[in-house]
């Protein structure tokens, strides 16, 4: 099975740039913040309807439905 490794841009500490909208990341304003990063599903899927995610040695499937919902299965 082929493992996909997404290449995502690093979050920035700069003010938001409208041209960068949709990059999948929110600007990091405070490094002590406990808010989780926001990643767009399109950045994970990269135009595919299905991707495999390896987590702690187990392979999970992340797929989209015809209705645009996400399903994560082991």
PDB file of N, CA and C in Angstrom:
ATOM      1  N   UNK A   1       0.829  -1.163   0.000  1.00  0.00           N
ATOM      2  CA  UNK A   1       0.000   0.000   0.000  1.00  0.00           C
ATOM      3  C   UNK A   1       0.886   1.242   0.000  1.00  0.00           C
ATOM      4  N   UNK A   2       0.520   2.216  -0.796  1.00  0.00           N
ATOM      5  CA  UNK A   2       1.287   3.453  -0.902  1.00  0.00           C
ATOM      6  C   UNK A   2       0.912   4.387   0.243  1.00  0.00           C
ATOM      7  N   UNK A   3       1.906   4.951   0.902  1.00  0.00           N
ATOM      8  CA  UNK A   3       1.684   5.897   1.985  1.00  0.00           C
ATOM      9  C   UNK A   3       1.828   7.305   1.438  1.00  0.00           C
ATOM     10  N   UNK A   4       0.827   8.133   1.675  1.00  0.00           N
ATOM     11  CA  UNK A   4       0.863   9.521   1.232  1.00  0.00           C
ATOM     12  C   UNK A   4       1.342  10.395   2.375  1.00  0.00           C
ATOM     13  N   UNK A   5       2.261  11.268   2.077  1.00  0.00           N
ATOM     14  CA  UNK A   5       2.762  12.205   3.067  1.00  0.00           C
ATOM     15  C   UNK A   5       2.473  13.612   2.570  1.00  0.00           C
ATOM     16  N   UNK A   6       1.480  14.297   3.167  1.00  0.00           N
ATOM     17  CA  UNK A   6       1.172  15.636   2.688  1.00  0.00           C
ATOM     18  C   UNK A   6       2.286  16.613   3.034  1.00  0.00           C
ATOM     19  N   UNK A   7       2.547  17.508   2.132  1.00  0.00           N
ATOM     20  CA  UNK A   7       3.529  18.569   2.352  1.00  0.00           C
ATOM     21  C   UNK A   7       2.741  19.844   2.600  1.00  0.00           C
ATOM     22  N   UNK A   8       2.605  20.204   3.854  1.00  0.00           N
ATOM     23  CA  UNK A   8       1.815  21.364   4.217  1.00  0.00           C
ATOM     24  C   UNK A   8       2.723  22.506   4.640  1.00  0.00           C
ATOM     25  N   UNK A   9       2.313  23.745   4.335  1.00  0.00           N
ATOM     26  CA  UNK A   9       3.131  24.890   4.733  1.00  0.00           C
ATOM     27  C   UNK A   9       3.150  25.051   6.243  1.00  0.00           C
ATOM     28  N   UNK A  10       4.220  25.620   6.738  1.00  0.00           N
ATOM     29  CA  UNK A  10       4.346  25.897   8.164  1.00  0.00           C
ATOM     30  C   UNK A  10       3.438  27.069   8.525  1.00  0.00           C
ATOM     31  N   UNK A  11       2.800  27.029   9.698  1.00  0.00           N
ATOM     32  CA  UNK A  11       2.014  28.177  10.142  1.00  0.00           C
ATOM     33  C   UNK A  11       2.921  29.388  10.330  1.00  0.00           C
ATOM     34  N   UNK A  12       2.357  30.571  10.169  1.00  0.00           N
ATOM     35  CA  UNK A  12       3.153  31.789  10.288  1.00  0.00           C
ATOM     36  C   UNK A  12       2.729  32.587  11.509  1.00  0.00           C
ATOM     37  N   UNK A  13       3.581  33.512  11.917  1.00  0.00           N
ATOM     38  CA  UNK A  13       3.242  34.424  13.004  1.00  0.00           C
ATOM     39  C   UNK A  13       2.909  35.796  12.447  1.00  0.00           C
ATOM     40  N   UNK A  14       2.856  35.929  11.130  1.00  0.00           N
ATOM     41  CA  UNK A  14       2.541  37.196  10.486  1.00  0.00           C
ATOM     42  C   UNK A  14       1.031  37.425  10.496  1.00  0.00           C
ATOM     43  N   UNK A  15       0.596  38.687  10.295  1.00  0.00           N
ATOM     44  CA  UNK A  15      -0.836  38.960  10.198  1.00  0.00           C
ATOM     45  C   UNK A  15      -1.435  38.190   9.023  1.00  0.00           C
ATOM     46  N   UNK A  16      -2.746  37.928   9.062  1.00  0.00           N
ATOM     47  CA  UNK A  16      -3.368  37.171   7.978  1.00  0.00           C
ATOM     48  C   UNK A  16      -3.181  37.847   6.634  1.00  0.00           C
ATOM     49  N   UNK A  17      -2.936  37.055   5.626  1.00  0.00           N
ATOM     50  CA  UNK A  17      -2.774  37.533   4.259  1.00  0.00           C
ATOM     51  C   UNK A  17      -3.949  36.999   3.452  1.00  0.00           C
ATOM     52  N   UNK A  18      -4.826  37.886   2.929  1.00  0.00           N
ATOM     53  CA  UNK A  18      -5.979  37.402   2.170  1.00  0.00           C
ATOM     54  C   UNK A  18      -5.582  36.496   1.012  1.00  0.00           C
ATOM     55  N   UNK A  19      -4.412  36.700   0.434  1.00  0.00           N
ATOM     56  CA  UNK A  19      -3.958  35.864  -0.682  1.00  0.00           C
ATOM     57  C   UNK A  19      -3.663  34.445  -0.219  1.00  0.00           C
ATOM     58  N   UNK A  20      -3.385  34.270   1.067  1.00  0.00           N
ATOM     59  CA  UNK A  20      -3.063  32.946   1.598  1.00  0.00           C
ATOM     60  C   UNK A  20      -4.297  32.234   2.139  1.00  0.00           C
ATOM     61  N   UNK A  21      -5.467  32.860   1.981  1.00  0.00           N
ATOM     62  CA  UNK A  21      -6.697  32.238   2.483  1.00  0.00           C
ATOM     63  C   UNK A  21      -6.861  30.864   1.867  1.00  0.00           C
ATOM     64  N   UNK A  22      -7.275  29.917   2.677  1.00  0.00           N
ATOM     65  CA  UNK A  22      -7.462  28.561   2.187  1.00  0.00           C
ATOM     66  C   UNK A  22      -6.197  27.739   2.237  1.00  0.00           C
ATOM     67  N   UNK A  23      -5.146  28.256   2.870  1.00  0.00           N
ATOM     68  CA  UNK A  23      -3.898  27.503   2.950  1.00  0.00           C
ATOM     69  C   UNK A  23      -4.021  26.338   3.917  1.00  0.00           C
ATOM     70  N   UNK A  24      -5.099  26.324   4.728  1.00  0.00           N
ATOM     71  CA  UNK A  24      -5.303  25.231   5.653  1.00  0.00           C
ATOM     72  C   UNK A  24      -4.846  25.541   7.067  1.00  0.00           C
ATOM     73  N   UNK A  25      -4.163  26.661   7.263  1.00  0.00           N
ATOM     74  CA  UNK A  25      -3.656  27.007   8.579  1.00  0.00           C
ATOM     75  C   UNK A  25      -4.097  28.408   8.951  1.00  0.00           C
ATOM     76  N   UNK A  26      -4.374  28.585  10.231  1.00  0.00           N
ATOM     77  CA  UNK A  26      -4.611  29.922  10.744  1.00  0.00           C
ATOM     78  C   UNK A  26      -3.287  30.483  11.229  1.00  0.00           C
ATOM     79  N   UNK A  27      -3.109  31.807  11.146  1.00  0.00           N
ATOM     80  CA  UNK A  27      -1.864  32.379  11.658  1.00  0.00           C
ATOM     81  C   UNK A  27      -1.724  32.095  13.149  1.00  0.00           C
ATOM     82  N   UNK A  28      -0.513  31.839  13.578  1.00  0.00           N
ATOM     83  CA  UNK A  28      -0.247  31.587  14.990  1.00  0.00           C
ATOM     84  C   UNK A  28       0.079  32.923  15.635  1.00  0.00           C
ATOM     85  N   UNK A  29      -0.785  33.366  16.546  1.00  0.00           N
ATOM     86  CA  UNK A  29      -0.595  34.669  17.177  1.00  0.00           C
ATOM     87  C   UNK A  29       0.116  34.536  18.516  1.00  0.00           C
ATOM     88  N   UNK A  30      -0.127  33.457  19.203  1.00  0.00           N
ATOM     89  CA  UNK A  30       0.437  33.283  20.536  1.00  0.00           C
ATOM     90  C   UNK A  30       0.909  31.843  20.663  1.00  0.00           C
ATOM     91  N   UNK A  31       2.191  31.646  20.784  1.00  0.00           N
ATOM     92  CA  UNK A  31       2.755  30.293  20.864  1.00  0.00           C
ATOM     93  C   UNK A  31       2.296  29.549  22.116  1.00  0.00           C
ATOM     94  N   UNK A  32       1.739  30.261  23.114  1.00  0.00           N
ATOM     95  CA  UNK A  32       1.273  29.593  24.322  1.00  0.00           C
ATOM     96  C   UNK A  32      -0.191  29.178  24.206  1.00  0.00           C
ATOM     97  N   UNK A  33      -0.839  29.485  23.094  1.00  0.00           N
ATOM     98  CA  UNK A  33      -2.239  29.134  22.893  1.00  0.00           C
ATOM     99  C   UNK A  33      -2.411  27.620  22.889  1.00  0.00           C
ATOM    100  N   UNK A  34      -3.523  27.166  23.457  1.00  0.00           N
ATOM    101  CA  UNK A  34      -3.801  25.733  23.479  1.00  0.00           C
ATOM    102  C   UNK A  34      -4.781  25.330  22.388  1.00  0.00           C
ATOM    103  N   UNK A  35      -5.189  26.262  21.551  1.00  0.00           N
ATOM    104  CA  UNK A  35      -6.126  25.949  20.471  1.00  0.00           C
ATOM    105  C   UNK A  35      -5.446  25.030  19.454  1.00  0.00           C
ATOM    106  N   UNK A  36      -6.144  23.987  19.020  1.00  0.00           N
ATOM    107  CA  UNK A  36      -5.552  23.085  18.026  1.00  0.00           C
ATOM    108  C   UNK A  36      -5.454  23.769  16.669  1.00  0.00           C
ATOM    109  N   UNK A  37      -4.515  23.344  15.831  1.00  0.00           N
ATOM    110  CA  UNK A  37      -4.402  23.941  14.502  1.00  0.00           C
ATOM    111  C   UNK A  37      -5.627  23.594  13.663  1.00  0.00           C
ATOM    112  N   UNK A  38      -5.987  24.484  12.750  1.00  0.00           N
ATOM    113  CA  UNK A  38      -7.112  24.279  11.844  1.00  0.00           C
ATOM    114  C   UNK A  38      -6.555  23.888  10.480  1.00  0.00           C
ATOM    115  N   UNK A  39      -6.916  22.715   9.999  1.00  0.00           N
ATOM    116  CA  UNK A  39      -6.426  22.218   8.715  1.00  0.00           C
ATOM    117  C   UNK A  39      -7.627  21.946   7.825  1.00  0.00           C
ATOM    118  N   UNK A  40      -7.617  22.478   6.627  1.00  0.00           N
ATOM    119  CA  UNK A  40      -8.701  22.254   5.678  1.00  0.00           C
ATOM    120  C   UNK A  40      -8.674  20.813   5.180  1.00  0.00           C
ATOM    121  N   UNK A  41      -9.831  20.184   5.061  1.00  0.00           N
ATOM    122  CA  UNK A  41      -9.894  18.806   4.572  1.00  0.00           C
ATOM    123  C   UNK A  41      -9.336  18.703   3.157  1.00  0.00           C
ATOM    124  N   UNK A  42      -9.513  19.739   2.350  1.00  0.00           N
ATOM    125  CA  UNK A  42      -8.987  19.692   0.971  1.00  0.00           C
ATOM    126  C   UNK A  42      -7.460  19.610   0.965  1.00  0.00           C
ATOM    127  N   UNK A  43      -6.815  20.152   2.014  1.00  0.00           N
ATOM    128  CA  UNK A  43      -5.359  20.057   2.102  1.00  0.00           C
ATOM    129  C   UNK A  43      -4.923  18.638   2.466  1.00  0.00           C
ATOM    130  N   UNK A  44      -5.725  17.934   3.255  1.00  0.00           N
ATOM    131  CA  UNK A  44      -5.424  16.536   3.577  1.00  0.00           C
ATOM    132  C   UNK A  44      -5.695  15.628   2.379  1.00  0.00           C
ATOM    133  N   UNK A  45      -6.836  15.846   1.721  1.00  0.00           N
ATOM    134  CA  UNK A  45      -7.253  14.964   0.630  1.00  0.00           C
ATOM    135  C   UNK A  45      -6.515  15.251  -0.678  1.00  0.00           C
ATOM    136  N   UNK A  46      -6.045  16.464  -0.872  1.00  0.00           N
ATOM    137  CA  UNK A  46      -5.280  16.860  -2.059  1.00  0.00           C
ATOM    138  C   UNK A  46      -5.962  16.436  -3.356  1.00  0.00           C
ATOM    139  N   UNK A  47      -7.274  16.638  -3.434  1.00  0.00           N
ATOM    140  CA  UNK A  47      -8.011  16.330  -4.653  1.00  0.00           C
ATOM    141  C   UNK A  47      -8.453  14.883  -4.789  1.00  0.00           C
ATOM    142  N   UNK A  48      -8.098  14.039  -3.843  1.00  0.00           N
ATOM    143  CA  UNK A  48      -8.493  12.627  -3.872  1.00  0.00           C
ATOM    144  C   UNK A  48      -9.734  12.440  -3.003  1.00  0.00           C
ATOM    145  N   UNK A  49     -10.521  11.442  -3.294  1.00  0.00           N
ATOM    146  CA  UNK A  49     -11.683  11.131  -2.481  1.00  0.00           C
ATOM    147  C   UNK A  49     -11.339  10.258  -1.291  1.00  0.00           C
ATOM    148  N   UNK A  50     -10.122   9.712  -1.279  1.00  0.00           N
ATOM    149  CA  UNK A  50      -9.700   8.785  -0.230  1.00  0.00           C
ATOM    150  C   UNK A  50      -8.210   8.947   0.020  1.00  0.00           C
ATOM    151  N   UNK A  51      -7.831   9.015   1.285  1.00  0.00           N
ATOM    152  CA  UNK A  51      -6.414   8.993   1.672  1.00  0.00           C
ATOM    153  C   UNK A  51      -6.261   8.018   2.828  1.00  0.00           C
ATOM    154  N   UNK A  52      -5.074   7.475   2.967  1.00  0.00           N
ATOM    155  CA  UNK A  52      -4.745   6.601   4.090  1.00  0.00           C
ATOM    156  C   UNK A  52      -3.897   7.400   5.068  1.00  0.00           C
ATOM    157  N   UNK A  53      -4.207   7.267   6.350  1.00  0.00           N
ATOM    158  CA  UNK A  53      -3.487   7.964   7.410  1.00  0.00           C
ATOM    159  C   UNK A  53      -2.920   6.913   8.354  1.00  0.00           C
ATOM    160  N   UNK A  54      -1.624   6.981   8.617  1.00  0.00           N
ATOM    161  CA  UNK A  54      -0.998   6.059   9.562  1.00  0.00           C
ATOM    162  C   UNK A  54      -0.925   6.758  10.913  1.00  0.00           C
ATOM    163  N   UNK A  55      -1.492   6.117  11.927  1.00  0.00           N
ATOM    164  CA  UNK A  55      -1.497   6.662  13.286  1.00  0.00           C
ATOM    165  C   UNK A  55      -1.122   5.544  14.247  1.00  0.00           C
ATOM    166  N   UNK A  56       0.015   5.701  14.909  1.00  0.00           N
ATOM    167  CA  UNK A  56       0.524   4.719  15.872  1.00  0.00           C
ATOM    168  C   UNK A  56       0.557   3.309  15.272  1.00  0.00           C
ATOM    169  N   UNK A  57       1.009   3.233  14.031  1.00  0.00           N
ATOM    170  CA  UNK A  57       1.179   1.950  13.366  1.00  0.00           C
ATOM    171  C   UNK A  57      -0.067   1.384  12.716  1.00  0.00           C
ATOM    172  N   UNK A  58      -1.223   1.981  12.939  1.00  0.00           N
ATOM    173  CA  UNK A  58      -2.465   1.511  12.322  1.00  0.00           C
ATOM    174  C   UNK A  58      -2.808   2.404  11.132  1.00  0.00           C
ATOM    175  N   UNK A  59      -3.371   1.789  10.086  1.00  0.00           N
ATOM    176  CA  UNK A  59      -3.750   2.534   8.883  1.00  0.00           C
ATOM    177  C   UNK A  59      -5.243   2.842   8.942  1.00  0.00           C
ATOM    178  N   UNK A  60      -5.574   4.115   8.792  1.00  0.00           N
ATOM    179  CA  UNK A  60      -6.957   4.575   8.768  1.00  0.00           C
ATOM    180  C   UNK A  60      -7.274   5.109   7.378  1.00  0.00           C
ATOM    181  N   UNK A  61      -8.553   5.031   6.999  1.00  0.00           N
ATOM    182  CA  UNK A  61      -9.017   5.575   5.724  1.00  0.00           C
ATOM    183  C   UNK A  61      -9.830   6.835   6.009  1.00  0.00           C
ATOM    184  N   UNK A  62      -9.479   7.930   5.351  1.00  0.00           N
ATOM    185  CA  UNK A  62     -10.275   9.152   5.411  1.00  0.00           C
ATOM    186  C   UNK A  62     -10.858   9.347   4.025  1.00  0.00           C
ATOM    187  N   UNK A  63     -12.180   9.343   3.935  1.00  0.00           N
ATOM    188  CA  UNK A  63     -12.802   9.465   2.615  1.00  0.00           C
ATOM    189  C   UNK A  63     -13.975  10.423   2.670  1.00  0.00           C
ATOM    190  N   UNK A  64     -14.335  10.949   1.506  1.00  0.00           N
ATOM    191  CA  UNK A  64     -15.490  11.832   1.401  1.00  0.00           C
ATOM    192  C   UNK A  64     -16.661  11.047   0.822  1.00  0.00           C
ATOM    193  N   UNK A  65     -17.860  11.451   1.213  1.00  0.00           N
ATOM    194  CA  UNK A  65     -19.072  10.844   0.675  1.00  0.00           C
ATOM    195  C   UNK A  65     -19.587  11.706  -0.472  1.00  0.00           C
ATOM    196  N   UNK A  66     -20.600  11.202  -1.151  1.00  0.00           N
ATOM    197  CA  UNK A  66     -21.214  11.986  -2.236  1.00  0.00           C
ATOM    198  C   UNK A  66     -21.849  13.265  -1.702  1.00  0.00           C
ATOM    199  N   UNK A  67     -22.228  13.243  -0.432  1.00  0.00           N
ATOM    200  CA  UNK A  67     -22.840  14.423   0.188  1.00  0.00           C
ATOM    201  C   UNK A  67     -21.798  15.397   0.740  1.00  0.00           C
ATOM    202  N   UNK A  68     -20.511  15.069   0.573  1.00  0.00           N
ATOM    203  CA  UNK A  68     -19.449  15.961   1.024  1.00  0.00           C
ATOM    204  C   UNK A  68     -19.054  15.784   2.477  1.00  0.00           C
ATOM    205  N   UNK A  69     -19.520  14.720   3.115  1.00  0.00           N
ATOM    206  CA  UNK A  69     -19.147  14.461   4.508  1.00  0.00           C
ATOM    207  C   UNK A  69     -17.882  13.615   4.552  1.00  0.00           C
ATOM    208  N   UNK A  70     -17.232  13.609   5.713  1.00  0.00           N
ATOM    209  CA  UNK A  70     -16.009  12.829   5.898  1.00  0.00           C
ATOM    210  C   UNK A  70     -16.283  11.577   6.712  1.00  0.00           C
ATOM    211  N   UNK A  71     -15.616  10.490   6.334  1.00  0.00           N
ATOM    212  CA  UNK A  71     -15.691   9.240   7.085  1.00  0.00           C
ATOM    213  C   UNK A  71     -14.267   8.798   7.376  1.00  0.00           C
ATOM    214  N   UNK A  72     -13.984   8.533   8.664  1.00  0.00           N
ATOM    215  CA  UNK A  72     -12.687   8.013   9.084  1.00  0.00           C
ATOM    216  C   UNK A  72     -12.913   6.607   9.622  1.00  0.00           C
ATOM    217  N   UNK A  73     -12.282   5.616   8.985  1.00  0.00           N
ATOM    218  CA  UNK A  73     -12.440   4.225   9.417  1.00  0.00           C
ATOM    219  C   UNK A  73     -11.076   3.586   9.579  1.00  0.00           C
ATOM    220  N   UNK A  74     -11.037   2.545  10.403  1.00  0.00           N
ATOM    221  CA  UNK A  74      -9.795   1.814  10.647  1.00  0.00           C
ATOM    222  C   UNK A  74      -9.744   0.609   9.744  1.00  0.00           C
TER     223      UNK A  74
END
